[in-house]
Amino acid sequence: MSSAMSERASESSALDGRVAVVTGAGRGIGAGIARLLAARGAAVVVNDLGVELDGSGADTGPAAQVVDEITAAGGTAIADGADVSDAEQAEALVRTAVEKFGKLDVLVNVAGILRDRMIFNLSEQEWDDVIRVHLKGHFNTTKPAAAYWREQRNPEGHYRLINFTSVSGLHGAPGQPNYAAAKMGIVGLTYSCANALGRYGVTANAISPGAATRMTASIPGERRAGTSAGNDERSPDNIAPIVGYIASEASDWLTGQVVGARGYEVHLYNTPAPIRHVVSANPWEPERLADLVERTFKPAVAPNGR
């Protein structure tokens, strides 16, 4: 076998024997991830409730279509219509992977909805719905997966928790306060899980994607970079490769991180850390503290306040 053929064979089998659950996998980014994981050898539970962008309705068709594509290409997958915002259904989703394929190695949390408003127009229900699907949805699947991994007592298990955050939270999208809050909550959840679950062989990371999906469908096509000759740089399929790497056993070194993926770029975010500080030997006098903060912190603050 030539070296090129050997390399391709190695790539296609990088996830052989691994079992993955991918939520929100009926369309867009989740579907691309499910297809890539299956193409690289994983058995995949393709979860999607099939709702509209705002969370209304339900349709099992998208998940079934992705499963059909995977099986037609020689892969292994089953469809699942669990609502991840429901704790019992999310637990059943994890159980399905174990019962159908014998184990669970990888959980990829992609499912989400939008209810965009400016903060002064946002209803309590719109806040609750987005937090419920995104943040609670991540918790609902992560808890039973973590419990299963803990039960295995295998520090060399190469288990993977891969969550999805967003630049909306990382940079504060003005028209998405509910979505931004949920996505930053997911970052905190990811950090906590990385610290808590490492002893059980689990790594936890969050992906911040940039791609053209139903959520970004209002962007005119001519403004999307790299669309010539059918080569769409904003394709949601471009998020899948880094997820495929993190899902593999080779990524044990990577945990507790936020990884950005956009077009043909992958980048690592810094973790929060103090960048400047002031200190006093005695209780602060307000005027002195104000002076020191302005002189020390102000030069480090960008014009937009961050």
Foldseek 3Di string as FASTA:
>chain_A
DDPVVVVVLCQQQLLALAEEEFAPCLFFLNVLQQLSNQSSHYAYEYEYQCADQARDDGDQVSQVVSQVVSVVVVGHYDYHNFQLLDLVSLLVSLVVRCVVRVHHAEYEYDDFHADWAAPVPDDPVRLVRRLSRQQVSLVSNVVNNLVRLVVVQALLSNGEYEYEAEVCQVVPDRGGPSNNVNRVSVLVVQLVCCVVRNSSNYAGEYEHEAADTPVNVVDDPVPFPPPPPNGGLRGSSQSNPVVSVSSGSVNSVDHSWYWYTGRPDIGTDDDDDDDWDDDDPDDDDVVVVVVCCCVIVVVVADPVGD
